[in-house]
Amino acid sequence: MDSRHIQFRYTQVFSPNHLNQLCDLFKVAAFWAGERRPSEMARAIAHSKPVVTVWDGEHLIGFARATSDGVFRATIWDVVI
């Protein structure tokens, strides 16, 4: 299987379309977070660093985010593929 077209990106700003794709990904792949709304995800993303996304062309296929004190500790949240 050739996966050279798959891209991992650091992403801080999501367009409305990308937020909708993210919520759709959660509905399909995260039974524990399928009811999240784009506005809620935008707020969570704004307070997270780094945010990593995985893309197959223009299609969002993976997401993870972290919060940190910037020195010693970080917590990884919402890993969805």
Protein backbone atom coordinates (compact mmCIF):
# COMPACT_ATOMS: atom_id res chain seq x y z
CA MET A 1 0.00 0.00 0.00
CA ASP A 2 1.43 3.35 -1.04
CA SER A 3 0.75 5.97 1.61
CA ARG A 4 3.11 8.72 0.44
CA HIS A 5 0.13 10.99 -0.20
CA ILE A 6 -0.84 10.96 3.52
CA GLN A 7 0.26 14.17 5.23
CA PHE A 8 0.75 14.92 8.92
CA ARG A 9 0.40 18.61 9.75
CA TYR A 10 0.60 20.89 12.76
CA THR A 11 -2.66 22.84 12.56
CA GLN A 12 -3.80 25.73 14.77
CA VAL A 13 -6.51 27.36 12.65
CA PHE A 14 -9.40 25.34 11.25
CA SER A 15 -11.76 26.58 8.56
CA PRO A 16 -15.48 25.94 9.06
CA ASN A 17 -15.22 23.09 6.53
CA HIS A 18 -12.33 21.51 8.44
CA LEU A 19 -14.21 21.82 11.75
CA ASN A 20 -17.17 20.04 10.15
CA GLN A 21 -14.85 17.30 8.87
CA LEU A 22 -13.39 16.99 12.36
CA CYS A 23 -16.81 16.57 13.94
CA ASP A 24 -17.71 14.00 11.28
CA LEU A 25 -14.50 12.10 12.10
CA PHE A 26 -15.44 12.10 15.79
CA LYS A 27 -18.92 10.76 14.95
CA VAL A 28 -17.43 7.85 13.02
CA ALA A 29 -14.35 7.03 15.08
CA ALA A 30 -14.93 8.25 18.66
CA PHE A 31 -18.00 6.83 20.37
CA TRP A 32 -17.09 8.87 23.45
CA ALA A 33 -17.13 12.22 21.63
CA GLY A 34 -19.50 11.89 18.71
CA GLU A 35 -21.77 14.73 19.80
CA ARG A 36 -19.18 17.51 19.79
CA ARG A 37 -20.06 20.66 17.89
CA PRO A 38 -17.74 22.70 15.64
CA SER A 39 -17.86 25.69 18.01
CA GLU A 40 -16.79 23.50 20.94
CA MET A 41 -13.95 21.98 18.95
CA ALA A 42 -12.76 25.43 17.83
CA ARG A 43 -12.52 26.50 21.47
CA ALA A 44 -10.68 23.32 22.51
CA ILE A 45 -8.23 23.71 19.61
CA ALA A 46 -7.59 27.36 20.50
CA HIS A 47 -6.41 26.24 23.95
CA SER A 48 -4.30 23.32 22.71
CA LYS A 49 -0.76 23.10 21.42
CA PRO A 50 0.28 21.17 19.47
CA VAL A 51 -2.64 20.09 17.33
CA VAL A 52 -1.71 17.39 14.80
CA THR A 53 -3.92 16.48 11.87
CA VAL A 54 -3.62 13.73 9.28
CA TRP A 55 -4.84 14.29 5.72
CA ASP A 56 -5.54 12.11 2.72
CA GLY A 57 -5.64 14.86 0.12
CA GLU A 58 -8.28 17.30 1.38
CA HIS A 59 -9.95 14.68 3.58
CA LEU A 60 -9.22 14.79 7.33
CA ILE A 61 -8.49 11.24 8.52
CA GLY A 62 -6.75 11.79 11.88
CA PHE A 63 -6.50 14.26 14.75
CA ALA A 64 -4.79 14.65 18.11
CA ARG A 65 -4.17 17.56 20.43
CA ALA A 66 -2.25 18.26 23.62
CA THR A 67 -2.19 20.77 26.45
CA SER A 68 0.97 21.54 28.37
CA ASP A 69 2.54 23.66 31.09
CA GLY A 70 5.32 24.35 28.58
CA VAL A 71 8.04 22.93 30.83
CA PHE A 72 7.43 19.53 32.42
CA ARG A 73 4.01 18.10 31.73
CA ALA A 74 1.70 17.59 28.80
CA THR A 75 -1.54 15.70 28.32
CA ILE A 76 -2.58 14.18 24.99
CA TRP A 77 -6.28 14.47 24.16
CA ASP A 78 -8.67 13.31 21.48
CA VAL A 79 -6.53 10.91 19.45
CA VAL A 80 -8.84 9.90 16.59
CA ILE A 81 -7.97 8.06 13.39
